[in-house]
Amino acid sequence: KVEVTDGRHVVTAPLGTQVIAKSLTGLWVGTVSGLGSFTLSVVQAGEVITGTLTTDAGTVTLSAGRVTSARSVVFTAPLALYSRLFRCTLSADLESCAGTYTPPEAAFTMRRQ
C-alpha cells in the first residue's frame, strides 16, 4: 500500500501501482575489514541481484542475491574454501552499503562508482 500525504489529506495509490526505486545495477567498490578490497558488478531485476565479485584472487559469480527490503541487500560469493555471505544496509541515497561478511564475521562497506 502506497500513501502520500500533505499533512491534511491522504491519497492511496490503487492496487497494482508500482513504486520504482533507484536500481543497484552498476559497479561498486568495497573493503572487508582486515581482509582487503573487492569490486562488485551488479545487475538488479526486481528484487534479484546477479553479477560478479572480483578480488586479488580472481572473479566469482554471485548467488542468492536479493534486495530483501527497501534498503537491505544480501548475496553470497564463493571465495576461498567457503561461500561468503554479505549482508548490508543501503544508505538513504542508495550510494553506499555497510554491513557484515561471514565467515569469518567482519565488517564491510561498499560504494557505487
N, C-alpha and C. Protein backbone atom coordinates (compact mmCIF):
# COMPACT_ATOMS: atom_id res chain seq x y z
N LYS A 1 0.85 -1.17 0.00
CA LYS A 1 0.00 0.00 0.00
C LYS A 1 0.89 1.23 0.00
N VAL A 2 0.64 2.14 -0.92
CA VAL A 2 1.43 3.38 -1.00
C VAL A 2 0.51 4.55 -0.72
N GLU A 3 0.91 5.38 0.25
CA GLU A 3 0.13 6.57 0.60
C GLU A 3 1.01 7.80 0.51
N VAL A 4 0.42 8.90 0.07
CA VAL A 4 1.10 10.18 0.03
C VAL A 4 0.23 11.16 0.80
N THR A 5 0.86 11.96 1.65
CA THR A 5 0.10 12.92 2.45
C THR A 5 0.77 14.28 2.46
N ASP A 6 -0.07 15.31 2.60
CA ASP A 6 0.45 16.67 2.76
C ASP A 6 0.24 17.13 4.20
N GLY A 7 -0.14 16.21 5.08
CA GLY A 7 -0.39 16.54 6.47
C GLY A 7 -1.87 16.71 6.77
N ARG A 8 -2.65 17.01 5.75
CA ARG A 8 -4.09 17.17 5.93
C ARG A 8 -4.88 16.14 5.14
N HIS A 9 -4.37 15.76 3.99
CA HIS A 9 -5.05 14.82 3.11
C HIS A 9 -4.13 13.64 2.83
N VAL A 10 -4.76 12.47 2.68
CA VAL A 10 -4.01 11.25 2.35
C VAL A 10 -4.56 10.70 1.04
N VAL A 11 -3.67 10.38 0.12
CA VAL A 11 -4.05 9.77 -1.15
C VAL A 11 -3.41 8.39 -1.18
N THR A 12 -4.19 7.37 -1.47
CA THR A 12 -3.71 6.00 -1.54
C THR A 12 -3.65 5.57 -3.00
N ALA A 13 -2.52 5.01 -3.41
CA ALA A 13 -2.36 4.53 -4.78
C ALA A 13 -3.22 3.29 -4.99
N PRO A 14 -3.79 3.15 -6.19
CA PRO A 14 -4.60 1.96 -6.46
C PRO A 14 -3.75 0.69 -6.44
N LEU A 15 -4.41 -0.45 -6.15
CA LEU A 15 -3.71 -1.74 -6.17
C LEU A 15 -3.04 -1.95 -7.52
N GLY A 16 -1.88 -2.56 -7.51
CA GLY A 16 -1.16 -2.82 -8.76
C GLY A 16 -0.23 -1.69 -9.16
N THR A 17 -0.22 -0.59 -8.42
CA THR A 17 0.68 0.52 -8.71
C THR A 17 2.10 0.12 -8.36
N GLN A 18 3.05 0.38 -9.25
CA GLN A 18 4.45 0.06 -8.98
C GLN A 18 5.16 1.28 -8.41
N VAL A 19 6.00 1.03 -7.43
CA VAL A 19 6.87 2.07 -6.89
C VAL A 19 8.26 1.77 -7.41
N ILE A 20 8.85 2.69 -8.15
CA ILE A 20 10.16 2.48 -8.75
C ILE A 20 11.22 3.11 -7.86
N ALA A 21 12.18 2.30 -7.46
CA ALA A 21 13.30 2.79 -6.66
C ALA A 21 14.55 2.76 -7.52
N LYS A 22 15.55 3.48 -7.11
CA LYS A 22 16.82 3.50 -7.82
C LYS A 22 17.42 2.09 -7.85
N SER A 23 17.84 1.66 -9.00
CA SER A 23 18.42 0.33 -9.17
C SER A 23 19.84 0.28 -8.61
N LEU A 24 20.22 -0.89 -8.15
CA LEU A 24 21.59 -1.11 -7.67
C LEU A 24 22.53 -1.48 -8.82
N THR A 25 21.99 -1.64 -10.03
CA THR A 25 22.79 -2.02 -11.18
C THR A 25 23.98 -1.08 -11.35
N GLY A 26 25.15 -1.67 -11.55
CA GLY A 26 26.35 -0.87 -11.77
C GLY A 26 27.56 -1.46 -11.09
N LEU A 27 28.60 -0.67 -11.02
CA LEU A 27 29.87 -1.08 -10.43
C LEU A 27 30.00 -0.50 -9.02
N TRP A 28 30.36 -1.34 -8.07
CA TRP A 28 30.56 -0.95 -6.68
C TRP A 28 31.97 -1.37 -6.26
N VAL A 29 32.61 -0.61 -5.41
CA VAL A 29 33.90 -1.00 -4.84
C VAL A 29 33.77 -1.04 -3.33
N GLY A 30 34.47 -2.01 -2.72
CA GLY A 30 34.32 -2.16 -1.28
C GLY A 30 35.54 -2.70 -0.62
N THR A 31 35.47 -2.74 0.72
CA THR A 31 36.54 -3.26 1.55
C THR A 31 35.94 -4.10 2.67
N VAL A 32 36.51 -5.27 2.89
CA VAL A 32 36.16 -6.10 4.03
C VAL A 32 37.23 -5.83 5.08
N SER A 33 36.82 -5.42 6.27
CA SER A 33 37.74 -5.06 7.34
C SER A 33 38.76 -6.16 7.59
N GLY A 34 40.03 -5.82 7.45
CA GLY A 34 41.11 -6.76 7.72
C GLY A 34 41.38 -7.78 6.62
N LEU A 35 40.55 -7.81 5.57
CA LEU A 35 40.71 -8.83 4.55
C LEU A 35 40.98 -8.29 3.15
N GLY A 36 40.76 -7.03 2.90
CA GLY A 36 41.09 -6.46 1.60
C GLY A 36 39.90 -5.89 0.84
N SER A 37 40.17 -5.53 -0.40
CA SER A 37 39.17 -4.84 -1.20
C SER A 37 38.56 -5.75 -2.26
N PHE A 38 37.44 -5.29 -2.82
CA PHE A 38 36.75 -6.03 -3.87
C PHE A 38 36.02 -5.06 -4.78
N THR A 39 35.70 -5.56 -5.96
CA THR A 39 34.86 -4.83 -6.91
C THR A 39 33.65 -5.70 -7.19
N LEU A 40 32.48 -5.09 -7.19
CA LEU A 40 31.23 -5.81 -7.40
C LEU A 40 30.52 -5.23 -8.61
N SER A 41 30.24 -6.08 -9.58
CA SER A 41 29.48 -5.67 -10.76
C SER A 41 28.10 -6.30 -10.63
N VAL A 42 27.07 -5.46 -10.51
CA VAL A 42 25.72 -5.94 -10.17
C VAL A 42 24.71 -5.57 -11.24
N VAL A 43 23.77 -6.49 -11.48
CA VAL A 43 22.59 -6.22 -12.29
C VAL A 43 21.39 -6.54 -11.40
N GLN A 44 20.47 -5.58 -11.26
CA GLN A 44 19.27 -5.79 -10.46
C GLN A 44 18.06 -5.91 -11.38
N ALA A 45 17.25 -6.94 -11.13
CA ALA A 45 15.98 -7.13 -11.83
C ALA A 45 14.93 -7.40 -10.76
N GLY A 46 14.12 -6.41 -10.46
CA GLY A 46 13.17 -6.54 -9.35
C GLY A 46 13.94 -6.65 -8.06
N GLU A 47 13.66 -7.69 -7.28
CA GLU A 47 14.37 -7.86 -6.01
C GLU A 47 15.61 -8.74 -6.15
N VAL A 48 15.87 -9.28 -7.33
CA VAL A 48 17.00 -10.18 -7.55
C VAL A 48 18.22 -9.41 -8.03
N ILE A 49 19.38 -9.71 -7.45
CA ILE A 49 20.63 -9.15 -7.96
C ILE A 49 21.54 -10.29 -8.40
N THR A 50 22.20 -10.09 -9.52
CA THR A 50 23.18 -11.03 -10.06
C THR A 50 24.43 -10.25 -10.39
N GLY A 51 25.51 -10.97 -10.67
CA GLY A 51 26.73 -10.28 -11.06
C GLY A 51 27.97 -11.03 -10.65
N THR A 52 29.06 -10.29 -10.57
CA THR A 52 30.35 -10.87 -10.21
C THR A 52 31.05 -10.04 -9.14
N LEU A 53 31.89 -10.73 -8.38
CA LEU A 53 32.71 -10.10 -7.36
C LEU A 53 34.16 -10.40 -7.69
N THR A 54 34.98 -9.37 -7.75
CA THR A 54 36.39 -9.54 -8.10
C THR A 54 37.28 -9.12 -6.93
N THR A 55 38.23 -10.00 -6.58
CA THR A 55 39.25 -9.71 -5.57
C THR A 55 40.61 -9.96 -6.21
N ASP A 56 41.67 -9.83 -5.42
CA ASP A 56 43.01 -10.14 -5.92
C ASP A 56 43.11 -11.60 -6.35
N ALA A 57 42.26 -12.46 -5.78
CA ALA A 57 42.31 -13.89 -6.08
C ALA A 57 41.54 -14.27 -7.35
N GLY A 58 40.77 -13.35 -7.91
CA GLY A 58 40.02 -13.64 -9.13
C GLY A 58 38.58 -13.15 -9.07
N THR A 59 37.79 -13.63 -10.04
CA THR A 59 36.40 -13.20 -10.17
C THR A 59 35.47 -14.40 -9.97
N VAL A 60 34.42 -14.20 -9.17
CA VAL A 60 33.43 -15.24 -8.92
C VAL A 60 32.03 -14.70 -9.20
N THR A 61 31.10 -15.61 -9.44
CA THR A 61 29.72 -15.24 -9.71
C THR A 61 28.91 -15.22 -8.42
N LEU A 62 28.12 -14.17 -8.25
CA LEU A 62 27.25 -14.07 -7.07
C LEU A 62 26.13 -15.09 -7.15
N SER A 63 25.64 -15.51 -5.99
CA SER A 63 24.46 -16.35 -5.94
C SER A 63 23.55 -15.86 -4.81
N ALA A 64 22.30 -16.25 -4.89
CA ALA A 64 21.31 -15.91 -3.86
C ALA A 64 21.27 -14.42 -3.56
N GLY A 65 21.44 -13.59 -4.58
CA GLY A 65 21.41 -12.14 -4.38
C GLY A 65 19.99 -11.61 -4.33
N ARG A 66 19.69 -10.82 -3.29
CA ARG A 66 18.35 -10.26 -3.12
C ARG A 66 18.40 -8.89 -2.47
N VAL A 67 17.47 -8.06 -2.87
CA VAL A 67 17.17 -6.84 -2.13
C VAL A 67 16.00 -7.26 -1.26
N THR A 68 16.24 -7.41 0.05
CA THR A 68 15.24 -8.03 0.93
C THR A 68 14.24 -7.05 1.52
N SER A 69 14.52 -5.77 1.42
CA SER A 69 13.59 -4.72 1.82
C SER A 69 14.04 -3.47 1.09
N ALA A 70 13.43 -2.36 1.40
CA ALA A 70 13.77 -1.12 0.69
C ALA A 70 15.26 -0.80 0.72
N ARG A 71 15.97 -1.18 1.79
CA ARG A 71 17.38 -0.81 1.88
C ARG A 71 18.28 -1.94 2.33
N SER A 72 17.82 -3.20 2.33
CA SER A 72 18.64 -4.32 2.76
C SER A 72 19.03 -5.19 1.57
N VAL A 73 20.31 -5.56 1.52
CA VAL A 73 20.85 -6.36 0.43
C VAL A 73 21.56 -7.58 1.02
N VAL A 74 21.36 -8.75 0.38
CA VAL A 74 22.02 -9.99 0.80
C VAL A 74 22.50 -10.70 -0.46
N PHE A 75 23.74 -11.21 -0.44
CA PHE A 75 24.23 -12.05 -1.53
C PHE A 75 25.34 -12.94 -1.02
N THR A 76 25.60 -14.02 -1.74
CA THR A 76 26.71 -14.90 -1.40
C THR A 76 27.69 -14.92 -2.56
N ALA A 77 28.94 -15.21 -2.22
CA ALA A 77 30.01 -15.32 -3.22
C ALA A 77 30.96 -16.42 -2.78
N PRO A 78 31.27 -17.36 -3.68
CA PRO A 78 32.20 -18.45 -3.32
C PRO A 78 33.65 -17.96 -3.32
N LEU A 79 34.19 -17.71 -2.14
CA LEU A 79 35.56 -17.21 -2.01
C LEU A 79 36.37 -18.19 -1.17
N ALA A 80 37.56 -18.51 -1.64
CA ALA A 80 38.46 -19.46 -0.95
C ALA A 80 37.72 -20.77 -0.70
N LEU A 81 37.67 -21.24 0.52
CA LEU A 81 37.07 -22.54 0.81
C LEU A 81 35.59 -22.48 1.16
N TYR A 82 35.05 -21.27 1.29
CA TYR A 82 33.68 -21.12 1.77
C TYR A 82 32.85 -20.26 0.83
N SER A 83 31.54 -20.40 0.96
CA SER A 83 30.63 -19.46 0.34
C SER A 83 30.45 -18.34 1.35
N ARG A 84 30.76 -17.12 0.97
CA ARG A 84 30.72 -15.98 1.90
C ARG A 84 29.37 -15.28 1.78
N LEU A 85 28.79 -14.95 2.92
CA LEU A 85 27.52 -14.25 2.96
C LEU A 85 27.76 -12.77 3.24
N PHE A 86 27.24 -11.93 2.39
CA PHE A 86 27.33 -10.49 2.55
C PHE A 86 25.93 -9.98 2.88
N ARG A 87 25.78 -9.20 3.95
CA ARG A 87 24.52 -8.55 4.31
C ARG A 87 24.83 -7.09 4.58
N CYS A 88 24.06 -6.20 3.96
CA CYS A 88 24.31 -4.79 4.22
C CYS A 88 23.03 -3.97 4.13
N THR A 89 23.11 -2.78 4.70
CA THR A 89 22.02 -1.82 4.66
C THR A 89 22.47 -0.63 3.82
N LEU A 90 21.67 -0.30 2.83
CA LEU A 90 21.98 0.81 1.93
C LEU A 90 21.79 2.15 2.62
N SER A 91 22.61 3.11 2.25
CA SER A 91 22.45 4.48 2.73
C SER A 91 21.15 5.05 2.16
N ALA A 92 20.67 6.15 2.73
CA ALA A 92 19.42 6.76 2.27
C ALA A 92 19.47 7.16 0.80
N ASP A 93 20.66 7.55 0.30
CA ASP A 93 20.78 7.95 -1.12
C ASP A 93 21.09 6.76 -2.03
N LEU A 94 21.16 5.55 -1.47
CA LEU A 94 21.44 4.30 -2.20
C LEU A 94 22.78 4.32 -2.92
N GLU A 95 23.74 5.06 -2.39
CA GLU A 95 25.06 5.17 -2.99
C GLU A 95 26.13 4.38 -2.25
N SER A 96 25.81 3.89 -1.05
CA SER A 96 26.77 3.08 -0.30
C SER A 96 26.00 2.05 0.53
N CYS A 97 26.74 1.04 0.98
CA CYS A 97 26.13 -0.04 1.75
C CYS A 97 27.14 -0.50 2.79
N ALA A 98 26.70 -0.70 4.03
CA ALA A 98 27.58 -1.15 5.10
C ALA A 98 26.94 -2.33 5.80
N GLY A 99 27.77 -3.33 6.15
CA GLY A 99 27.21 -4.50 6.81
C GLY A 99 28.26 -5.49 7.25
N THR A 100 27.87 -6.79 7.22
CA THR A 100 28.77 -7.84 7.68
C THR A 100 28.99 -8.89 6.59
N TYR A 101 30.14 -9.53 6.71
CA TYR A 101 30.62 -10.57 5.80
C TYR A 101 30.93 -11.77 6.68
N THR A 102 30.44 -12.96 6.32
CA THR A 102 30.74 -14.15 7.12
C THR A 102 30.96 -15.35 6.21
N PRO A 103 31.70 -16.40 6.59
CA PRO A 103 32.66 -16.40 7.67
C PRO A 103 34.01 -15.83 7.22
N PRO A 104 34.90 -15.42 8.08
CA PRO A 104 34.66 -15.08 9.47
C PRO A 104 33.84 -13.79 9.52
N GLU A 105 33.23 -13.50 10.64
CA GLU A 105 32.43 -12.27 10.70
C GLU A 105 33.35 -11.06 10.67
N ALA A 106 33.11 -10.19 9.71
CA ALA A 106 33.89 -8.97 9.55
C ALA A 106 32.98 -7.89 8.98
N ALA A 107 33.30 -6.65 9.27
CA ALA A 107 32.54 -5.53 8.72
C ALA A 107 32.98 -5.28 7.28
N PHE A 108 32.05 -4.84 6.45
CA PHE A 108 32.43 -4.42 5.10
C PHE A 108 31.61 -3.21 4.69
N THR A 109 32.17 -2.45 3.78
CA THR A 109 31.47 -1.32 3.18
C THR A 109 31.70 -1.36 1.69
N MET A 110 30.75 -0.80 0.95
CA MET A 110 30.94 -0.66 -0.50
C MET A 110 30.25 0.60 -0.96
N ARG A 111 30.76 1.15 -2.06
CA ARG A 111 30.25 2.42 -2.59
C ARG A 111 30.08 2.29 -4.09
N ARG A 112 28.98 2.86 -4.58
CA ARG A 112 28.70 2.88 -6.02
C ARG A 112 29.75 3.74 -6.73
N GLN A 113 30.21 3.27 -7.89
CA GLN A 113 31.19 4.04 -8.68
C GLN A 113 30.52 4.77 -9.81
